[in-house]
PDB file of N, CA and C in Angstrom:
ATOM      1  N   MET A   1     162.268-110.881  19.690  1.00  0.00           N
ATOM      2  CA  MET A   1     162.930-110.022  20.762  1.00  0.00           C
ATOM      3  C   MET A   1     163.174-110.950  21.962  1.00  0.00           C
ATOM      4  N   ALA A   2     162.355-111.897  22.387  1.00  0.00           N
ATOM      5  CA  ALA A   2     162.786-112.738  23.366  1.00  0.00           C
ATOM      6  C   ALA A   2     163.992-113.654  23.097  1.00  0.00           C
ATOM      7  N   GLN A   3     164.164-114.005  22.012  1.00  0.00           N
ATOM      8  CA  GLN A   3     165.458-114.884  21.631  1.00  0.00           C
ATOM      9  C   GLN A   3     166.742-113.927  21.982  1.00  0.00           C
ATOM     10  N   GLY A   4     166.554-112.694  21.581  1.00  0.00           N
ATOM     11  CA  GLY A   4     167.771-111.744  21.847  1.00  0.00           C
ATOM     12  C   GLY A   4     168.081-111.601  23.313  1.00  0.00           C
ATOM     13  N   GLN A   5     166.990-111.574  24.028  1.00  0.00           N
ATOM     14  CA  GLN A   5     167.312-111.536  25.637  1.00  0.00           C
ATOM     15  C   GLN A   5     167.957-112.798  26.241  1.00  0.00           C
ATOM     16  N   ALA A   6     167.482-113.933  25.700  1.00  0.00           N
ATOM     17  CA  ALA A   6     168.033-115.158  26.267  1.00  0.00           C
ATOM     18  C   ALA A   6     169.521-115.350  25.793  1.00  0.00           C
ATOM     19  N   THR A   7     169.699-114.959  24.501  1.00  0.00           N
ATOM     20  CA  THR A   7     171.090-115.081  23.988  1.00  0.00           C
ATOM     21  C   THR A   7     171.971-114.208  24.723  1.00  0.00           C
ATOM     22  N   LYS A   8     171.524-113.020  25.083  1.00  0.00           N
ATOM     23  CA  LYS A   8     172.269-112.131  25.779  1.00  0.00           C
ATOM     24  C   LYS A   8     172.774-112.666  27.244  1.00  0.00           C
ATOM     25  N   VAL A   9     171.851-113.228  27.809  1.00  0.00           N
ATOM     26  CA  VAL A   9     172.122-113.796  29.150  1.00  0.00           C
ATOM     27  C   VAL A   9     173.037-115.027  29.083  1.00  0.00           C
ATOM     28  N   LYS A  10     172.908-115.818  27.934  1.00  0.00           N
ATOM     29  CA  LYS A  10     173.816-117.035  27.833  1.00  0.00           C
ATOM     30  C   LYS A  10     175.228-116.500  27.661  1.00  0.00           C
ATOM     31  N   LYS A  11     175.314-115.468  26.696  1.00  0.00           N
ATOM     32  CA  LYS A  11     176.753-114.896  26.374  1.00  0.00           C
ATOM     33  C   LYS A  11     177.446-114.320  27.620  1.00  0.00           C
ATOM     34  N   LYS A  12     176.678-113.677  28.485  1.00  0.00           N
ATOM     35  CA  LYS A  12     177.173-113.055  29.529  1.00  0.00           C
ATOM     36  C   LYS A  12     177.694-114.042  30.583  1.00  0.00           C
ATOM     37  N   LYS A  13     176.784-115.149  30.903  1.00  0.00           N
ATOM     38  CA  LYS A  13     177.202-116.062  31.761  1.00  0.00           C
ATOM     39  C   LYS A  13     178.411-116.782  31.399  1.00  0.00           C
ATOM     40  N   LYS A  14     178.597-117.140  30.081  1.00  0.00           N
ATOM     41  CA  LYS A  14     179.771-117.700  29.464  1.00  0.00           C
ATOM     42  C   LYS A  14     181.000-116.832  29.855  1.00  0.00           C
ATOM     43  N   SER A  15     180.891-115.567  29.640  1.00  0.00           N
ATOM     44  CA  SER A  15     182.013-114.712  29.741  1.00  0.00           C
ATOM     45  C   SER A  15     182.462-114.427  31.215  1.00  0.00           C
ATOM     46  N   VAL A  16     181.450-114.563  32.061  1.00  0.00           N
ATOM     47  CA  VAL A  16     181.761-114.308  33.501  1.00  0.00           C
ATOM     48  C   VAL A  16     182.679-115.444  34.085  1.00  0.00           C
ATOM     49  N   LEU A  17     182.442-116.695  33.535  1.00  0.00           N
ATOM     50  CA  LEU A  17     183.159-117.740  33.959  1.00  0.00           C
ATOM     51  C   LEU A  17     184.390-118.036  33.184  1.00  0.00           C
ATOM     52  N   ALA A  18     184.641-117.148  32.244  1.00  0.00           N
ATOM     53  CA  ALA A  18     185.945-117.583  31.422  1.00  0.00           C
ATOM     54  C   ALA A  18     187.167-116.898  31.944  1.00  0.00           C
ATOM     55  N   ASP A  19     187.017-115.722  32.680  1.00  0.00           N
ATOM     56  CA  ASP A  19     188.280-115.050  33.020  1.00  0.00           C
ATOM     57  C   ASP A  19     187.879-114.443  34.377  1.00  0.00           C
ATOM     58  N   ALA A  20     188.777-114.568  35.299  1.00  0.00           N
ATOM     59  CA  ALA A  20     188.698-114.132  36.712  1.00  0.00           C
ATOM     60  C   ALA A  20     188.633-112.621  36.924  1.00  0.00           C
ATOM     61  N   THR A  21     189.363-111.959  36.078  1.00  0.00           N
ATOM     62  CA  THR A  21     189.483-110.431  36.163  1.00  0.00           C
ATOM     63  C   THR A  21     188.221-109.900  35.601  1.00  0.00           C
ATOM     64  N   ALA A  22     187.653-110.396  34.476  1.00  0.00           N
ATOM     65  CA  ALA A  22     186.526-109.983  33.711  1.00  0.00           C
ATOM     66  C   ALA A  22     185.269-110.399  34.571  1.00  0.00           C
ATOM     67  N   ALA A  23     185.377-111.343  35.318  1.00  0.00           N
ATOM     68  CA  ALA A  23     184.208-111.858  35.953  1.00  0.00           C
ATOM     69  C   ALA A  23     183.619-110.793  36.935  1.00  0.00           C
ATOM     70  N   GLY A  24     184.381-110.050  37.544  1.00  0.00           N
ATOM     71  CA  GLY A  24     184.063-109.142  38.571  1.00  0.00           C
ATOM     72  C   GLY A  24     183.258-107.890  37.892  1.00  0.00           C
ATOM     73  N   ASN A  25     183.822-107.601  36.783  1.00  0.00           N
ATOM     74  CA  ASN A  25     183.189-106.615  35.928  1.00  0.00           C
ATOM     75  C   ASN A  25     181.872-106.890  35.220  1.00  0.00           C
ATOM     76  N   LEU A  26     181.754-108.213  35.029  1.00  0.00           N
ATOM     77  CA  LEU A  26     180.549-108.669  34.228  1.00  0.00           C
ATOM     78  C   LEU A  26     179.490-109.242  35.150  1.00  0.00           C
ATOM     79  N   LEU A  27     179.819-109.489  36.429  1.00  0.00           N
ATOM     80  CA  LEU A  27     178.842-110.182  37.245  1.00  0.00           C
ATOM     81  C   LEU A  27     177.516-109.382  37.413  1.00  0.00           C
ATOM     82  N   GLN A  28     177.676-108.175  37.714  1.00  0.00           N
ATOM     83  CA  GLN A  28     176.539-107.229  37.921  1.00  0.00           C
ATOM     84  C   GLN A  28     175.680-107.089  36.591  1.00  0.00           C
ATOM     85  N   PRO A  29     176.263-106.716  35.476  1.00  0.00           N
ATOM     86  CA  PRO A  29     175.414-106.579  34.250  1.00  0.00           C
ATOM     87  C   PRO A  29     174.754-107.950  33.830  1.00  0.00           C
ATOM     88  N   THR A  30     175.315-109.082  34.259  1.00  0.00           N
ATOM     89  CA  THR A  30     174.706-110.354  33.974  1.00  0.00           C
ATOM     90  C   THR A  30     173.544-110.544  34.817  1.00  0.00           C
ATOM     91  N   MET A  31     173.578-110.136  36.151  1.00  0.00           N
ATOM     92  CA  MET A  31     172.456-110.379  36.932  1.00  0.00           C
ATOM     93  C   MET A  31     171.389-109.401  36.548  1.00  0.00           C
ATOM     94  N   SER A  32     171.753-108.228  36.054  1.00  0.00           N
ATOM     95  CA  SER A  32     170.727-107.236  35.570  1.00  0.00           C
ATOM     96  C   SER A  32     170.079-107.876  34.269  1.00  0.00           C
ATOM     97  N   ALA A  33     170.807-108.463  33.500  1.00  0.00           N
ATOM     98  CA  ALA A  33     170.192-109.027  32.225  1.00  0.00           C
ATOM     99  C   ALA A  33     169.347-110.181  32.585  1.00  0.00           C
ATOM    100  N   ILE A  34     169.589-110.780  33.707  1.00  0.00           N
ATOM    101  CA  ILE A  34     168.696-112.102  34.014  1.00  0.00           C
ATOM    102  C   ILE A  34     167.403-111.342  34.631  1.00  0.00           C
ATOM    103  N   ASP A  35     167.594-110.242  35.383  1.00  0.00           N
ATOM    104  CA  ASP A  35     166.388-109.627  35.932  1.00  0.00           C
ATOM    105  C   ASP A  35     165.495-108.999  34.731  1.00  0.00           C
ATOM    106  N   GLN A  36     166.132-108.480  33.815  1.00  0.00           N
ATOM    107  CA  GLN A  36     165.332-108.002  32.689  1.00  0.00           C
ATOM    108  C   GLN A  36     164.633-109.194  31.999  1.00  0.00           C
ATOM    109  N   ALA A  37     165.159-110.344  31.804  1.00  0.00           N
ATOM    110  CA  ALA A  37     164.557-111.450  31.244  1.00  0.00           C
ATOM    111  C   ALA A  37     163.404-111.787  32.023  1.00  0.00           C
ATOM    112  N   ILE A  38     163.445-111.676  33.335  1.00  0.00           N
ATOM    113  CA  ILE A  38     162.282-112.091  34.246  1.00  0.00           C
ATOM    114  C   ILE A  38     161.158-111.005  33.878  1.00  0.00           C
ATOM    115  N   ALA A  39     161.484-109.908  33.875  1.00  0.00           N
ATOM    116  CA  ALA A  39     160.502-108.779  33.648  1.00  0.00           C
ATOM    117  C   ALA A  39     159.798-108.920  32.256  1.00  0.00           C
ATOM    118  N   LYS A  40     160.537-109.320  31.240  1.00  0.00           N
ATOM    119  CA  LYS A  40     160.032-109.528  29.889  1.00  0.00           C
ATOM    120  C   LYS A  40     159.274-110.836  29.762  1.00  0.00           C
ATOM    121  N   GLY A  41     159.346-111.775  30.744  1.00  0.00           N
ATOM    122  CA  GLY A  41     158.663-113.022  30.647  1.00  0.00           C
ATOM    123  C   GLY A  41     159.431-114.071  29.840  1.00  0.00           C
ATOM    124  N   VAL A  42     160.788-113.851  29.716  1.00  0.00           N
ATOM    125  CA  VAL A  42     161.503-114.745  28.935  1.00  0.00           C
ATOM    126  C   VAL A  42     161.949-115.920  29.929  1.00  0.00           C
ATOM    127  N   LEU A  43     162.134-115.603  31.196  1.00  0.00           N
ATOM    128  CA  LEU A  43     162.479-116.550  32.190  1.00  0.00           C
ATOM    129  C   LEU A  43     161.579-116.533  33.389  1.00  0.00           C
ATOM    130  N   HIS A  44     161.211-117.683  33.941  1.00  0.00           N
ATOM    131  CA  HIS A  44     160.469-117.700  35.115  1.00  0.00           C
ATOM    132  C   HIS A  44     161.224-117.273  36.215  1.00  0.00           C
ATOM    133  N   GLU A  45     160.598-116.681  37.215  1.00  0.00           N
ATOM    134  CA  GLU A  45     161.399-116.113  38.375  1.00  0.00           C
ATOM    135  C   GLU A  45     162.237-117.080  39.084  1.00  0.00           C
ATOM    136  N   ASN A  46     161.643-118.327  39.376  1.00  0.00           N
ATOM    137  CA  ASN A  46     162.425-119.325  40.063  1.00  0.00           C
ATOM    138  C   ASN A  46     163.529-119.760  39.358  1.00  0.00           C
ATOM    139  N   THR A  47     163.515-119.947  37.872  1.00  0.00           N
ATOM    140  CA  THR A  47     164.532-120.430  37.186  1.00  0.00           C
ATOM    141  C   THR A  47     165.597-119.403  37.120  1.00  0.00           C
ATOM    142  N   ALA A  48     165.206-118.152  36.930  1.00  0.00           N
ATOM    143  CA  ALA A  48     166.248-117.037  36.891  1.00  0.00           C
ATOM    144  C   ALA A  48     167.020-116.874  38.172  1.00  0.00           C
ATOM    145  N   ASN A  49     166.292-117.108  39.310  1.00  0.00           N
ATOM    146  CA  ASN A  49     166.917-117.106  40.611  1.00  0.00           C
ATOM    147  C   ASN A  49     167.883-118.312  40.730  1.00  0.00           C
ATOM    148  N   ARG A  50     167.523-119.462  40.162  1.00  0.00           N
ATOM    149  CA  ARG A  50     168.458-120.578  40.184  1.00  0.00           C
ATOM    150  C   ARG A  50     169.698-120.224  39.343  1.00  0.00           C
ATOM    151  N   TYR A  51     169.587-119.580  38.231  1.00  0.00           N
ATOM    152  CA  TYR A  51     170.668-119.298  37.355  1.00  0.00           C
ATOM    153  C   TYR A  51     171.534-118.309  38.156  1.00  0.00           C
ATOM    154  N   LYS A  52     170.925-117.237  38.791  1.00  0.00           N
ATOM    155  CA  LYS A  52     171.720-116.283  39.562  1.00  0.00           C
ATOM    156  C   LYS A  52     172.670-116.973  40.678  1.00  0.00           C
ATOM    157  N   SER A  53     171.979-117.910  41.393  1.00  0.00           N
ATOM    158  CA  SER A  53     172.556-118.566  42.441  1.00  0.00           C
ATOM    159  C   SER A  53     173.709-119.336  41.934  1.00  0.00           C
ATOM    160  N   ARG A  54     173.626-120.162  40.867  1.00  0.00           N
ATOM    161  CA  ARG A  54     174.629-121.003  40.287  1.00  0.00           C
ATOM    162  C   ARG A  54     175.822-119.993  39.815  1.00  0.00           C
ATOM    163  N   LEU A  55     175.561-118.976  39.139  1.00  0.00           N
ATOM    164  CA  LEU A  55     176.412-117.948  38.585  1.00  0.00           C
ATOM    165  C   LEU A  55     177.261-117.292  39.691  1.00  0.00           C
ATOM    166  N   THR A  56     176.617-117.040  40.773  1.00  0.00           N
ATOM    167  CA  THR A  56     177.355-116.488  42.043  1.00  0.00           C
ATOM    168  C   THR A  56     178.261-117.327  42.602  1.00  0.00           C
ATOM    169  N   LEU A  57     177.825-118.634  42.825  1.00  0.00           N
ATOM    170  CA  LEU A  57     178.696-119.714  43.267  1.00  0.00           C
ATOM    171  C   LEU A  57     179.918-120.060  42.392  1.00  0.00           C
ATOM    172  N   ALA A  58     179.651-120.029  40.937  1.00  0.00           N
ATOM    173  CA  ALA A  58     180.709-120.166  40.070  1.00  0.00           C
ATOM    174  C   ALA A  58     181.774-119.030  40.096  1.00  0.00           C
ATOM    175  N   TYR A  59     181.159-117.774  40.282  1.00  0.00           N
ATOM    176  CA  TYR A  59     182.028-116.598  40.280  1.00  0.00           C
ATOM    177  C   TYR A  59     182.964-116.764  41.599  1.00  0.00           C
ATOM    178  N   ASN A  60     182.256-117.209  42.687  1.00  0.00           N
ATOM    179  CA  ASN A  60     183.059-117.144  43.870  1.00  0.00           C
ATOM    180  C   ASN A  60     184.182-118.255  43.785  1.00  0.00           C
ATOM    181  N   GLY A  61     183.955-119.235  43.046  1.00  0.00           N
ATOM    182  CA  GLY A  61     184.903-120.391  42.824  1.00  0.00           C
ATOM    183  C   GLY A  61     185.979-119.951  42.005  1.00  0.00           C
ATOM    184  N   VAL A  62     185.600-119.013  40.893  1.00  0.00           N
ATOM    185  CA  VAL A  62     186.739-118.555  39.977  1.00  0.00           C
ATOM    186  C   VAL A  62     187.597-117.446  40.887  1.00  0.00           C
ATOM    187  N   LYS A  63     186.976-116.670  41.666  1.00  0.00           N
ATOM    188  CA  LYS A  63     187.597-115.661  42.451  1.00  0.00           C
ATOM    189  C   LYS A  63     188.516-116.350  43.468  1.00  0.00           C
ATOM    190  N   ALA A  64     188.134-117.401  44.015  1.00  0.00           N
ATOM    191  CA  ALA A  64     188.931-118.016  45.116  1.00  0.00           C
ATOM    192  C   ALA A  64     190.168-118.770  44.421  1.00  0.00           C
ATOM    193  N   LYS A  65     190.171-119.040  43.220  1.00  0.00           N
ATOM    194  CA  LYS A  65     191.415-119.746  42.718  1.00  0.00           C
ATOM    195  C   LYS A  65     192.400-118.792  42.611  1.00  0.00           C
ATOM    196  N   PRO A  66     193.647-119.264  43.034  1.00  0.00           N
ATOM    197  CA  PRO A  66     194.784-118.239  42.754  1.00  0.00           C
ATOM    198  C   PRO A  66     195.156-118.175  41.282  1.00  0.00           C
ATOM    199  N   ALA A  67     195.541-116.869  41.022  1.00  0.00           N
ATOM    200  CA  ALA A  67     195.984-116.656  39.539  1.00  0.00           C
ATOM    201  C   ALA A  67     197.422-117.141  39.380  1.00  0.00           C
ATOM    202  N   LYS A  68     197.592-117.628  38.286  1.00  0.00           N
ATOM    203  CA  LYS A  68     198.841-118.274  37.789  1.00  0.00           C
ATOM    204  C   LYS A  68     199.821-117.255  37.261  1.00  0.00           C
TER     205      LYS A  68
END
């Protein structure tokens, strides 16, 4: 069960960074999945907070780039 949670987080992180329009829709569910991983003990709280911070920075970078 723990492997499923970690895989879920990885897939969501990858899809958030792939497309600017989908990023807005997937950011909140990804953050929620990371929080669930903390609750289940899959990720340490500091590690998860670091992931969320980096994900937010990457999302802001994708959002700031003009669409072609």
